[in-house]
Amino acid sequence: MTETNRPEISVVMPAYNHEKYVADAIESVLLQTFNDFELVIVNDGSTDATEDVIKQYKDPRIRYYYQENGGSHDAINKGISLSRGDYVAIINSDDVFYSNRLEVLLHTAKAEGLDFVVTAVTLIDADSNVISDPAHSWVKWYEKLKNTYRNNNSSLRAILVGNYTISTSNFFIRRTLFDEIGKLINLRYVLDYEFAIRALKRDEEKFRFLVDNELLFYRMHGKNTILSDTLSAHVEAYELVTEAIRHVLGEEISPFLDHLKEITYGIKAQRVGYEDYAAQLLDERYIIRNSFSHRLGKFLTLRSLKEKKCMTVKDMQSLQVGIESFIADVDIVSFDLYDTVFDRHTEKHQRIKSTVSEQISKHLRNTCGIDVAAAEITNIRDNIELSHRQSSLDSGADYECSYRGIVQDISRQILGRLDERLVNKIINIEIMAENEAITVKDGILPLFKYIRSKDKKIIAVSDTCLDKDILWEILGLKSLTGVFKCLYVSAEKSLGKISGNLFKHVLFSEKILPEEVLHIGNHKIADYKVPVKLGFKVIRFYDSKQQHTKAY
């Protein structure tokens, strides 16, 4: 199929360790009554015989790709990037399409001018038996969701009661929607729920749930991701839905949601007890480390402490040696993204804001008929950022803020209202400008490979104001999403590195003690003195050849 003869539909299949089910998934696509499609299969680092099963199929409509394991969102986003159709359907490698699914969905989308369509689903078990017993807990729950949708005149309000889309396998999307609102973000349990809410917030009229038309077999087999840790899944859903409720019902509901959050966290703390224990442990360490006896002991043993707990290196070869000396004693290796993983180009970074402002100015002039000079946009942005940082500080958090929040206020100030399309356009401009201004540091990829060969978890931390989903997009552009299992950013919870609060958040989230973490960063205080004080093992990677310039 040539580029000039692109398929009308691209079916994207993320595949991971589903050797038992992937053949059913593939055949359900190949046997569709609608034939103008391509099937883009992304094997997300499967360790079983999934690849062998896939390669048995020689159909020319199949395009197969392998990547190191990066998670469901990464595999789906990769498939979307590789696909060529005007519409994108997704099917996970353990689910099954009804034979007329694509035909019905394409007809519906075209006839009604829709960007996003989902259908009712049929539940099946590991052996493909249909589960239809009305007394089954899942069937009862799903019927409740469908009835909520039927009886509600708002798709967005209905989805706040529960994710009636059920799975990314149920997604049928016009390609342009991804350009407007972005792709899937790195959520382990509710990435489908988050995307659906984001799409509905953009335009409910462009969405349809074919609530009485079952066109997908959704398989429940005990190893579904969402069943692997139901507590964590509920926590993810809780955070997502509370923010969506604020959007739907307005900020006046915030005090009630905040009160509910306090109650929920209080219950969780009593049940788990870990954060209280960890906070007490860290506070005790601060007291001990700042006592006279500790300072005296540190003075007497400074050399041995430095050799065992921390070091400074100035080139990649020395960094390799340092990591090798610590690797056996840690479970997690943490990298600061900027100036450690990425090289920053000073001249380009000095122009990021002005470049972004110039493109925003041009966009406003061409699409909205509004003439705002680039210099004025930069000034608006700087003032809003300063206000957000001060508000964060006044609230008791660190001097950190969210880029998305800044952009939303830019929209309000320029247009007099919040325009999510403008917000997403500005964010996409920023992502492209940031991508142009950074390169992956020479020699860092072999280090990642070495660390992974030792079965150690690699995470990233960053105290830029760029939000997590924005940084994931940048990592995707640099082909690094498969490297980092988690990303912790200041923008998410207004927690900074220099205060130590972002590192504490990492410890609480990972449920790990400080001495089990090796942190690698550039800043002599935020990436060195602070984590050392907390008990981390630390390598300060000060690249003397590089000019370091903070963009944010």
Protein backbone atom coordinates (compact mmCIF):
# COMPACT_ATOMS: atom_id res chain seq x y z
CA MET A 1 0.00 0.00 0.00
CA THR A 2 1.61 3.25 -1.07
CA GLU A 3 1.53 6.52 0.83
CA THR A 4 -0.75 8.00 -1.83
CA ASN A 5 -3.17 5.09 -1.32
CA ARG A 6 -3.47 5.31 2.44
CA PRO A 7 -6.01 3.07 4.22
CA GLU A 8 -9.14 4.68 5.58
CA ILE A 9 -8.70 3.01 8.98
CA SER A 10 -5.56 2.12 10.93
CA VAL A 11 -6.06 -0.56 13.57
CA VAL A 12 -3.39 -0.23 16.28
CA MET A 13 -2.65 -3.30 18.39
CA PRO A 14 -0.31 -3.01 21.42
CA ALA A 15 0.86 -6.54 22.23
CA TYR A 16 2.47 -7.70 25.46
CA ASN A 17 2.81 -11.30 26.67
CA HIS A 18 -0.47 -12.50 25.19
CA GLU A 19 0.72 -15.58 23.30
CA LYS A 20 -2.54 -17.32 24.24
CA TYR A 21 -4.85 -14.59 22.94
CA VAL A 22 -3.07 -12.57 20.25
CA ALA A 23 -4.07 -14.90 17.38
CA ASP A 24 -7.76 -14.36 18.17
CA ALA A 25 -7.22 -10.62 18.25
CA ILE A 26 -5.39 -10.56 14.90
CA GLU A 27 -7.90 -12.81 13.14
CA SER A 28 -10.83 -10.72 14.40
CA VAL A 29 -9.28 -7.76 12.58
CA LEU A 30 -8.34 -9.59 9.38
CA LEU A 31 -11.90 -11.02 9.06
CA GLN A 32 -13.65 -7.63 9.20
CA THR A 33 -16.45 -6.99 6.71
CA PHE A 34 -14.73 -3.66 5.96
CA ASN A 35 -11.40 -4.20 4.20
CA ASP A 36 -9.72 -0.81 3.67
CA PHE A 37 -7.54 -0.92 6.76
CA GLU A 38 -4.00 -1.58 7.96
CA LEU A 39 -3.14 -3.43 11.17
CA VAL A 40 -0.19 -1.86 12.99
CA ILE A 41 1.07 -4.25 15.69
CA VAL A 42 3.53 -2.92 18.27
CA ASN A 43 5.14 -5.68 20.35
CA ASP A 44 5.95 -3.94 23.63
CA GLY A 45 8.90 -6.12 24.63
CA SER A 46 7.01 -9.38 25.12
CA THR A 47 9.04 -12.12 26.82
CA ASP A 48 6.78 -15.04 25.85
CA ALA A 49 5.96 -16.42 22.37
CA THR A 50 3.78 -13.45 21.35
CA GLU A 51 6.18 -12.46 18.57
CA ASP A 52 6.27 -16.00 17.14
CA VAL A 53 2.48 -16.06 16.93
CA ILE A 54 2.32 -12.65 15.24
CA LYS A 55 4.93 -13.54 12.64
CA GLN A 56 2.87 -16.52 11.48
CA TYR A 57 0.52 -14.07 9.76
CA LYS A 58 1.66 -12.93 6.31
CA ASP A 59 -1.26 -10.66 5.43
CA PRO A 60 0.09 -7.56 3.58
CA ARG A 61 -2.18 -5.33 5.66
CA ILE A 62 -0.14 -6.15 8.76
CA ARG A 63 2.77 -3.87 9.75
CA TYR A 64 4.77 -5.25 12.67
CA TYR A 65 7.14 -3.39 14.99
CA TYR A 66 9.08 -4.43 18.08
CA GLN A 67 10.16 -2.09 20.89
CA GLU A 68 11.61 -2.40 24.36
CA ASN A 69 8.90 -2.48 27.02
CA GLY A 70 7.55 1.01 27.58
CA GLY A 71 4.04 0.37 28.81
CA SER A 72 0.62 0.34 27.19
CA HIS A 73 0.45 4.08 26.54
CA ASP A 74 3.83 4.06 24.84
CA ALA A 75 2.98 1.12 22.57
CA ILE A 76 -0.36 2.64 21.57
CA ASN A 77 1.17 6.07 20.93
CA LYS A 78 3.91 4.44 18.86
CA GLY A 79 1.28 2.65 16.79
CA ILE A 80 -0.65 5.88 16.27
CA SER A 81 2.53 7.64 15.12
CA LEU A 82 3.25 4.85 12.63
CA SER A 83 -0.31 4.59 11.32
CA ARG A 84 -1.57 6.29 8.16
CA GLY A 85 -5.37 6.05 8.23
CA ASP A 86 -7.85 8.89 8.62
CA TYR A 87 -9.38 6.98 11.53
CA VAL A 88 -7.63 4.98 14.26
CA ALA A 89 -9.14 1.94 15.97
CA ILE A 90 -7.35 0.29 18.88
CA ILE A 91 -7.48 -3.35 19.93
CA ASN A 92 -5.47 -4.81 22.77
CA SER A 93 -3.89 -8.18 22.06
CA ASP A 94 -6.25 -10.06 24.40
CA ASP A 95 -9.55 -8.68 23.05
CA VAL A 96 -11.66 -9.53 19.97
CA PHE A 97 -13.59 -7.43 17.43
CA TYR A 98 -17.04 -8.37 16.18
CA SER A 99 -16.71 -8.96 12.42
CA ASN A 100 -18.71 -5.84 11.46
CA ARG A 101 -17.18 -3.49 14.03
CA LEU A 102 -15.11 -1.32 11.69
CA GLU A 103 -17.90 -1.09 9.12
CA VAL A 104 -20.46 0.13 11.68
CA LEU A 105 -18.08 2.54 13.41
CA LEU A 106 -16.83 4.14 10.19
CA HIS A 107 -20.38 4.60 8.90
CA THR A 108 -21.49 6.13 12.21
CA ALA A 109 -18.51 8.47 12.45
CA LYS A 110 -18.96 9.74 8.90
CA ALA A 111 -22.75 10.01 8.99
CA GLU A 112 -22.77 12.01 12.23
CA GLY A 113 -19.47 13.89 11.85
CA LEU A 114 -17.99 12.29 14.97
CA ASP A 115 -14.42 12.29 16.23
CA PHE A 116 -14.74 9.56 18.85
CA VAL A 117 -17.05 6.53 18.94
CA VAL A 118 -17.28 3.62 21.40
CA THR A 119 -19.71 0.70 21.57
CA ALA A 120 -21.19 -1.64 24.11
CA VAL A 121 -18.98 -4.64 24.92
CA THR A 122 -19.52 -8.34 25.56
CA LEU A 123 -17.58 -9.81 28.47
CA ILE A 124 -15.69 -13.05 27.81
CA ASP A 125 -13.41 -15.20 29.97
CA ALA A 126 -9.96 -16.63 29.36
CA ASP A 127 -11.43 -19.41 27.21
CA SER A 128 -13.61 -17.03 25.14
CA ASN A 129 -16.83 -18.05 26.90
CA VAL A 130 -19.38 -15.23 27.07
CA ILE A 131 -20.17 -14.06 30.61
CA SER A 132 -23.77 -12.86 30.60
CA ASP A 133 -25.14 -13.92 33.99
CA PRO A 134 -27.09 -10.87 35.30
CA ALA A 135 -25.90 -11.72 38.81
CA HIS A 136 -22.21 -11.47 37.82
CA SER A 137 -20.66 -8.47 39.60
CA TRP A 138 -19.04 -7.04 36.46
CA VAL A 139 -22.21 -7.47 34.37
CA LYS A 140 -24.28 -5.71 37.06
CA TRP A 141 -21.76 -2.86 37.26
CA TYR A 142 -21.67 -2.44 33.48
CA GLU A 143 -25.46 -2.42 33.17
CA LYS A 144 -25.54 0.36 35.76
CA LEU A 145 -23.06 2.39 33.69
CA LYS A 146 -25.07 1.92 30.50
CA ASN A 147 -28.28 2.96 32.23
CA THR A 148 -26.56 6.04 33.61
CA TYR A 149 -25.55 6.98 30.07
CA ARG A 150 -29.05 6.34 28.72
CA ASN A 151 -30.66 8.49 31.40
CA ASN A 152 -28.19 11.38 31.26
CA ASN A 153 -28.19 14.13 28.65
CA SER A 154 -24.45 14.67 29.13
CA SER A 155 -21.86 12.08 28.08
CA LEU A 156 -19.28 13.84 30.27
CA ARG A 157 -21.42 13.80 33.40
CA ALA A 158 -22.31 10.15 32.80
CA ILE A 159 -18.69 9.05 32.53
CA LEU A 160 -17.92 10.56 35.95
CA VAL A 161 -20.08 7.75 37.42
CA GLY A 162 -17.84 5.16 35.76
CA ASN A 163 -15.76 4.49 32.68
CA TYR A 164 -18.36 3.12 30.28
CA THR A 165 -15.75 3.08 27.47
CA ILE A 166 -14.22 0.14 29.42
CA SER A 167 -10.97 -0.17 27.43
CA THR A 168 -8.77 1.42 24.78
CA SER A 169 -9.85 -1.56 22.65
CA ASN A 170 -13.18 0.24 22.39
CA PHE A 171 -11.71 3.43 20.88
CA PHE A 172 -12.52 4.50 17.31
CA ILE A 173 -11.05 7.97 16.73
CA ARG A 174 -10.63 10.45 13.92
CA ARG A 175 -6.87 11.03 13.61
CA THR A 176 -7.18 14.82 13.93
CA LEU A 177 -8.43 14.42 17.51
CA PHE A 178 -4.95 13.31 18.62
CA ASP A 179 -3.50 16.46 17.06
CA GLU A 180 -5.95 18.59 19.04
CA ILE A 181 -5.87 17.00 22.50
CA GLY A 182 -2.73 14.83 22.43
CA LYS A 183 -2.26 11.08 22.69
CA LEU A 184 -2.51 8.76 25.68
CA ILE A 185 -0.56 9.62 28.82
CA ASN A 186 1.41 7.37 31.14
CA LEU A 187 -1.22 6.05 33.52
CA ARG A 188 -1.01 2.36 34.37
CA TYR A 189 -4.65 1.69 35.17
CA VAL A 190 -6.88 4.50 33.84
CA LEU A 191 -5.19 5.74 30.67
CA ASP A 192 -8.37 4.96 28.69
CA TYR A 193 -10.56 6.75 31.25
CA GLU A 194 -8.32 9.84 31.24
CA PHE A 195 -8.30 10.09 27.44
CA ALA A 196 -12.08 9.68 27.22
CA ILE A 197 -12.64 12.45 29.79
CA ARG A 198 -10.17 14.70 27.99
CA ALA A 199 -11.99 14.15 24.69
CA LEU A 200 -15.40 14.75 26.23
CA LYS A 201 -14.21 17.95 27.90
CA ARG A 202 -13.14 19.16 24.46
CA ASP A 203 -16.46 18.50 22.67
CA GLU A 204 -19.26 16.18 23.81
CA GLU A 205 -21.13 16.63 20.53
CA LYS A 206 -18.33 14.89 18.62
CA PHE A 207 -18.59 11.76 20.80
CA ARG A 208 -21.04 8.86 20.67
CA PHE A 209 -21.53 5.73 22.80
CA LEU A 210 -23.44 3.09 20.83
CA VAL A 211 -24.86 1.83 24.10
CA ASP A 212 -27.17 -0.80 22.57
CA ASN A 213 -24.73 -2.16 19.98
CA GLU A 214 -22.22 -4.75 21.24
CA LEU A 215 -19.26 -4.80 18.85
CA LEU A 216 -16.32 -5.76 21.08
CA PHE A 217 -15.50 -8.88 23.07
CA TYR A 218 -13.69 -7.65 26.20
CA ARG A 219 -11.67 -10.41 27.80
CA MET A 220 -11.33 -10.81 31.56
CA HIS A 221 -8.69 -13.39 32.36
CA GLY A 222 -7.25 -12.61 35.76
CA LYS A 223 -4.11 -10.97 34.38
CA ASN A 224 -5.76 -7.77 33.15
CA THR A 225 -3.67 -4.79 34.21
CA ILE A 226 -6.47 -3.18 36.16
CA LEU A 227 -6.95 -6.37 38.21
CA SER A 228 -3.26 -6.57 39.19
CA ASP A 229 -3.56 -3.88 41.88
CA THR A 230 -7.14 -2.73 42.43
CA LEU A 231 -6.16 -0.34 45.24
CA SER A 232 -3.74 1.57 43.00
CA ALA A 233 -6.30 1.52 40.19
CA HIS A 234 -8.88 3.12 42.47
CA VAL A 235 -6.38 5.75 43.62
CA GLU A 236 -5.60 6.67 39.99
CA ALA A 237 -9.31 6.85 39.17
CA TYR A 238 -10.01 8.93 42.27
CA GLU A 239 -7.45 11.59 41.34
CA LEU A 240 -8.70 11.68 37.75
CA VAL A 241 -12.41 11.90 38.53
CA THR A 242 -12.10 14.55 41.26
CA GLU A 243 -10.33 16.89 38.85
CA ALA A 244 -12.93 16.18 36.16
CA ILE A 245 -15.72 16.97 38.62
CA ARG A 246 -14.12 20.36 39.26
CA HIS A 247 -14.21 21.00 35.52
CA VAL A 248 -17.83 19.94 35.10
CA LEU A 249 -19.37 21.46 38.23
CA GLY A 250 -17.08 24.45 38.69
CA GLU A 251 -14.55 25.55 41.29
CA GLU A 252 -17.29 26.16 43.87
CA ILE A 253 -17.29 22.42 44.53
CA SER A 254 -13.55 22.41 45.36
CA PRO A 255 -13.92 22.78 49.17
CA PHE A 256 -16.15 19.70 49.28
CA LEU A 257 -13.76 17.67 47.12
CA ASP A 258 -10.77 18.79 49.18
CA HIS A 259 -12.57 17.72 52.36
CA LEU A 260 -13.36 14.35 50.81
CA LYS A 261 -9.71 14.02 49.80
CA GLU A 262 -8.59 14.64 53.40
CA ILE A 263 -10.97 11.96 54.65
CA THR A 264 -9.82 9.49 51.97
CA TYR A 265 -6.14 10.10 52.64
CA GLY A 266 -6.76 9.78 56.37
CA ILE A 267 -8.32 6.37 55.89
CA LYS A 268 -5.49 5.33 53.58
CA ALA A 269 -2.83 6.48 56.06
CA GLN A 270 -4.43 4.45 58.86
CA ARG A 271 -4.61 1.36 56.69
CA VAL A 272 -1.19 1.59 55.10
CA GLY A 273 0.77 3.55 57.67
CA TYR A 274 3.78 3.78 55.37
CA GLU A 275 3.83 7.52 54.74
CA ASP A 276 3.60 8.34 58.45
CA TYR A 277 6.41 5.89 59.14
CA ALA A 278 8.54 7.22 56.31
CA ALA A 279 7.91 10.87 57.25
CA GLN A 280 8.89 10.14 60.84
CA LEU A 281 11.99 8.29 59.66
CA LEU A 282 13.04 11.19 57.45
CA ASP A 283 12.40 13.77 60.18
CA GLU A 284 14.50 11.72 62.57
CA ARG A 285 17.28 11.62 59.99
CA TYR A 286 17.18 15.40 59.65
CA ILE A 287 17.45 15.78 63.42
CA ILE A 288 20.27 13.26 63.68
CA ARG A 289 22.17 14.65 60.70
CA ASN A 290 22.05 18.20 62.07
CA SER A 291 22.99 17.34 65.64
CA PHE A 292 26.39 18.27 67.04
CA SER A 293 27.40 14.64 67.52
CA HIS A 294 26.53 13.88 63.91
CA ARG A 295 28.48 16.86 62.62
CA LEU A 296 31.48 15.79 64.66
CA GLY A 297 31.19 12.20 63.46
CA LYS A 298 30.82 13.44 59.88
CA PHE A 299 33.96 15.50 60.24
CA LEU A 300 35.89 12.49 61.52
CA THR A 301 34.59 10.11 58.86
CA LEU A 302 34.02 12.47 55.92
CA ARG A 303 36.34 10.65 53.56
CA SER A 304 34.77 7.24 54.05
CA LEU A 305 31.26 8.69 53.82
CA LYS A 306 32.08 10.33 50.51
CA GLU A 307 33.50 7.13 49.12
CA LYS A 308 30.45 5.10 50.14
CA LYS A 309 27.53 7.50 49.69
CA CYS A 310 28.36 10.15 47.10
CA MET A 311 30.81 11.27 44.45
CA THR A 312 31.28 13.87 41.71
CA VAL A 313 32.23 12.88 38.17
CA LYS A 314 32.92 15.00 35.10
CA ASP A 315 32.65 12.61 32.17
CA MET A 316 30.58 9.67 30.99
CA GLN A 317 33.31 7.09 31.59
CA SER A 318 33.64 8.14 35.25
CA LEU A 319 29.85 8.06 35.57
CA GLN A 320 29.86 4.45 34.36
CA VAL A 321 32.46 3.54 36.98
CA GLY A 322 30.45 5.30 39.68
CA ILE A 323 27.23 3.53 38.79
CA GLU A 324 29.04 0.18 38.78
CA SER A 325 30.30 0.86 42.31
CA PHE A 326 26.80 1.52 43.66
CA ILE A 327 24.57 -0.70 41.53
CA ALA A 328 24.65 -3.83 43.70
CA ASP A 329 23.35 -1.94 46.76
CA VAL A 330 20.38 -0.12 45.22
CA ASP A 331 17.02 -1.04 43.69
CA ILE A 332 16.26 2.22 41.90
CA VAL A 333 18.45 4.54 39.84
CA SER A 334 17.02 8.04 39.55
CA PHE A 335 18.10 10.52 36.85
CA ASP A 336 17.49 14.23 36.76
CA LEU A 337 16.40 14.82 33.16
CA TYR A 338 17.90 18.18 32.30
CA ASP A 339 21.69 18.51 32.12
CA THR A 340 22.04 14.82 33.02
CA VAL A 341 20.09 12.89 30.40
CA PHE A 342 19.66 15.86 28.05
CA ASP A 343 22.25 18.30 26.75
CA ARG A 344 20.97 21.86 26.73
CA HIS A 345 21.95 24.30 24.02
CA THR A 346 22.34 27.71 25.62
CA GLU A 347 21.59 29.86 22.60
CA LYS A 348 18.48 27.88 21.70
CA HIS A 349 17.20 27.87 25.28
CA GLN A 350 17.48 31.62 25.51
CA ARG A 351 15.11 31.79 22.55
CA ILE A 352 12.53 29.21 23.66
CA LYS A 353 10.09 31.67 25.19
CA SER A 354 10.41 34.18 22.36
CA THR A 355 10.07 31.45 19.72
CA VAL A 356 6.96 30.04 21.39
CA SER A 357 5.50 33.53 21.80
CA GLU A 358 6.11 34.31 18.14
CA GLN A 359 4.26 31.18 17.05
CA ILE A 360 1.39 31.83 19.47
CA SER A 361 1.11 35.38 18.14
CA LYS A 362 0.96 34.07 14.58
CA HIS A 363 -1.63 31.40 15.52
CA LEU A 364 -3.88 33.96 17.23
CA ARG A 365 -3.67 36.28 14.24
CA ASN A 366 -4.41 33.55 11.67
CA THR A 367 -7.15 31.63 13.50
CA CYS A 368 -8.75 34.12 15.90
CA GLY A 369 -8.12 37.45 14.20
CA ILE A 370 -6.45 38.69 17.40
CA ASP A 371 -3.27 40.73 17.12
CA VAL A 372 -1.06 40.28 20.18
CA ALA A 373 2.66 40.99 19.87
CA ALA A 374 5.09 38.20 20.77
CA ALA A 375 6.81 40.42 23.36
CA GLU A 376 3.46 41.03 25.06
CA ILE A 377 2.72 37.30 25.17
CA THR A 378 6.11 36.67 26.79
CA ASN A 379 5.38 39.38 29.35
CA ILE A 380 1.94 37.90 30.08
CA ARG A 381 3.49 34.46 30.52
CA ASP A 382 6.22 35.71 32.89
CA ASN A 383 3.74 37.59 35.08
CA ILE A 384 1.36 34.62 35.26
CA GLU A 385 4.21 32.24 36.12
CA LEU A 386 5.41 34.54 38.89
CA SER A 387 1.88 34.76 40.28
CA HIS A 388 1.44 30.97 40.19
CA ARG A 389 4.75 30.37 41.94
CA GLN A 390 3.93 32.89 44.65
CA SER A 391 0.46 31.37 45.14
CA SER A 392 2.04 27.95 45.52
CA LEU A 393 4.43 29.32 48.13
CA ASP A 394 1.62 31.11 49.98
CA SER A 395 -0.39 27.88 50.13
CA GLY A 396 2.43 26.13 51.95
CA ALA A 397 3.79 24.22 48.95
CA ASP A 398 7.14 24.77 47.25
CA TYR A 399 7.88 27.58 44.78
CA GLU A 400 6.75 25.40 41.88
CA CYS A 401 3.98 25.66 39.32
CA SER A 402 2.37 23.88 36.37
CA TYR A 403 2.97 24.94 32.78
CA ARG A 404 -0.53 23.80 31.83
CA GLY A 405 -1.94 26.08 34.53
CA ILE A 406 0.12 28.97 33.17
CA VAL A 407 -1.14 28.36 29.63
CA GLN A 408 -4.75 28.13 30.80
CA ASP A 409 -4.41 31.58 32.38
CA ILE A 410 -2.77 32.89 29.20
CA SER A 411 -5.89 31.77 27.34
CA ARG A 412 -8.14 33.47 29.90
CA GLN A 413 -6.18 36.71 29.76
CA ILE A 414 -5.97 36.93 25.97
CA LEU A 415 -9.41 35.56 25.01
CA GLY A 416 -11.31 36.37 28.19
CA ARG A 417 -12.15 32.68 28.60
CA LEU A 418 -10.55 29.24 28.81
CA ASP A 419 -10.14 27.75 25.32
CA GLU A 420 -8.80 24.18 25.53
CA ARG A 421 -7.93 24.16 21.82
CA LEU A 422 -5.68 27.20 22.29
CA VAL A 423 -4.20 25.61 25.44
CA ASN A 424 -3.35 22.41 23.57
CA LYS A 425 -1.95 24.36 20.62
CA ILE A 426 0.38 26.36 22.88
CA ILE A 427 1.50 23.20 24.67
CA ASN A 428 2.25 21.48 21.35
CA ILE A 429 4.26 24.53 20.26
CA GLU A 430 6.21 24.39 23.53
CA ILE A 431 6.88 20.67 23.13
CA MET A 432 8.27 21.15 19.64
CA ALA A 433 10.44 24.10 20.73
CA GLU A 434 11.76 22.18 23.72
CA ASN A 435 12.44 19.14 21.56
CA GLU A 436 14.52 21.28 19.20
CA ALA A 437 16.53 22.76 22.07
CA ILE A 438 17.71 19.50 23.65
CA THR A 439 19.61 16.41 22.59
CA VAL A 440 20.16 13.12 24.38
CA LYS A 441 23.60 13.21 25.98
CA ASP A 442 26.22 11.16 24.18
CA GLY A 443 26.91 7.90 25.99
CA ILE A 444 23.83 7.89 28.23
CA LEU A 445 21.95 5.15 26.34
CA PRO A 446 24.57 2.43 27.03
CA LEU A 447 24.33 3.35 30.72
CA PHE A 448 20.58 2.79 30.67
CA LYS A 449 21.14 -0.56 29.00
CA TYR A 450 23.70 -1.53 31.66
CA ILE A 451 21.39 -0.56 34.54
CA ARG A 452 18.49 -2.51 33.05
CA SER A 453 20.75 -5.54 32.59
CA LYS A 454 21.15 -5.50 36.38
CA ASP A 455 17.35 -5.58 36.83
CA LYS A 456 17.27 -2.15 38.43
CA LYS A 457 14.33 0.22 38.03
CA ILE A 458 15.12 3.51 36.28
CA ILE A 459 13.06 6.59 37.12
CA ALA A 460 13.29 10.26 36.17
CA VAL A 461 12.80 13.41 38.24
CA SER A 462 12.49 16.97 37.06
CA ASP A 463 11.83 20.33 38.69
CA THR A 464 10.90 22.16 35.50
CA CYS A 465 7.37 23.56 35.41
CA LEU A 466 6.53 21.27 32.49
CA ASP A 467 3.77 18.85 33.46
CA LYS A 468 4.24 15.09 33.49
CA ASP A 469 2.27 14.44 30.30
CA ILE A 470 4.28 17.14 28.48
CA LEU A 471 7.59 15.62 29.58
CA TRP A 472 6.38 12.17 28.53
CA GLU A 473 5.67 13.60 25.07
CA ILE A 474 9.22 15.02 24.91
CA LEU A 475 10.66 11.71 26.07
CA GLY A 476 8.62 10.02 23.35
CA LEU A 477 10.09 12.32 20.71
CA LYS A 478 13.53 11.32 21.98
CA SER A 479 12.56 7.59 22.00
CA LEU A 480 13.11 7.37 25.77
CA THR A 481 9.68 6.45 27.13
CA GLY A 482 10.68 2.80 27.33
CA VAL A 483 13.63 3.64 29.60
CA PHE A 484 11.89 5.24 32.57
CA LYS A 485 9.33 3.29 34.56
CA CYS A 486 8.16 6.40 36.43
CA LEU A 487 8.47 10.16 36.07
CA TYR A 488 8.24 12.52 39.04
CA VAL A 489 7.88 16.23 38.35
CA SER A 490 7.54 19.33 40.49
CA ALA A 491 4.61 20.60 38.45
CA GLU A 492 2.40 17.71 39.51
CA LYS A 493 2.24 18.41 43.24
CA SER A 494 4.23 21.66 43.68
CA LEU A 495 7.09 19.75 45.30
CA GLY A 496 10.65 20.87 44.60
CA LYS A 497 13.98 19.09 44.63
CA ILE A 498 15.81 21.81 46.49
CA SER A 499 13.42 21.49 49.45
CA GLY A 500 13.77 17.72 49.40
CA ASN A 501 10.01 17.33 49.10
CA LEU A 502 10.09 15.88 45.59
CA PHE A 503 12.57 13.23 46.75
CA LYS A 504 10.36 12.44 49.76
CA HIS A 505 7.44 12.03 47.37
CA VAL A 506 9.51 9.55 45.35
CA LEU A 507 10.24 7.53 48.50
CA PHE A 508 6.59 7.48 49.56
CA SER A 509 5.37 6.57 46.07
CA GLU A 510 7.97 3.86 45.48
CA LYS A 511 7.73 2.61 49.10
CA ILE A 512 11.50 2.42 49.33
CA LEU A 513 14.14 3.56 51.81
CA PRO A 514 16.62 6.30 50.81
CA GLU A 515 19.71 4.09 50.88
CA GLU A 516 18.11 1.87 48.22
CA VAL A 517 18.12 4.73 45.70
CA LEU A 518 21.00 6.05 43.60
CA HIS A 519 20.31 9.57 42.31
CA ILE A 520 22.26 11.09 39.44
CA GLY A 521 22.00 14.81 38.74
CA ASN A 522 23.87 18.00 38.04
CA HIS A 523 22.89 20.64 40.57
CA LYS A 524 25.30 20.87 43.49
CA ILE A 525 22.51 21.47 45.99
CA ALA A 526 19.23 20.11 44.58
CA ASP A 527 20.80 16.97 43.06
CA TYR A 528 23.67 16.46 45.49
CA LYS A 529 23.54 17.94 48.98
CA VAL A 530 19.78 17.53 49.46
CA PRO A 531 19.46 13.84 48.46
CA VAL A 532 22.68 12.98 50.33
CA LYS A 533 21.19 14.56 53.43
CA LEU A 534 18.11 12.37 53.01
CA GLY A 535 20.28 9.25 52.82
CA PHE A 536 20.33 8.64 49.06
CA LYS A 537 23.41 7.40 47.29
CA VAL A 538 24.32 10.22 44.89
CA ILE A 539 26.53 10.85 41.89
CA ARG A 540 26.83 14.47 40.83
CA PHE A 541 27.43 14.39 37.11
CA TYR A 542 29.01 17.77 36.37
CA ASP A 543 29.84 17.79 32.68
CA SER A 544 32.52 20.47 32.40
CA LYS A 545 32.24 20.50 28.60
CA GLN A 546 28.61 21.57 28.66
CA GLN A 547 27.14 25.03 29.15
CA HIS A 548 24.22 24.59 31.52
CA THR A 549 21.33 26.99 31.21
CA LYS A 550 18.00 26.45 32.92
CA ALA A 551 15.01 27.08 30.68
CA TYR A 552 12.47 27.15 33.48
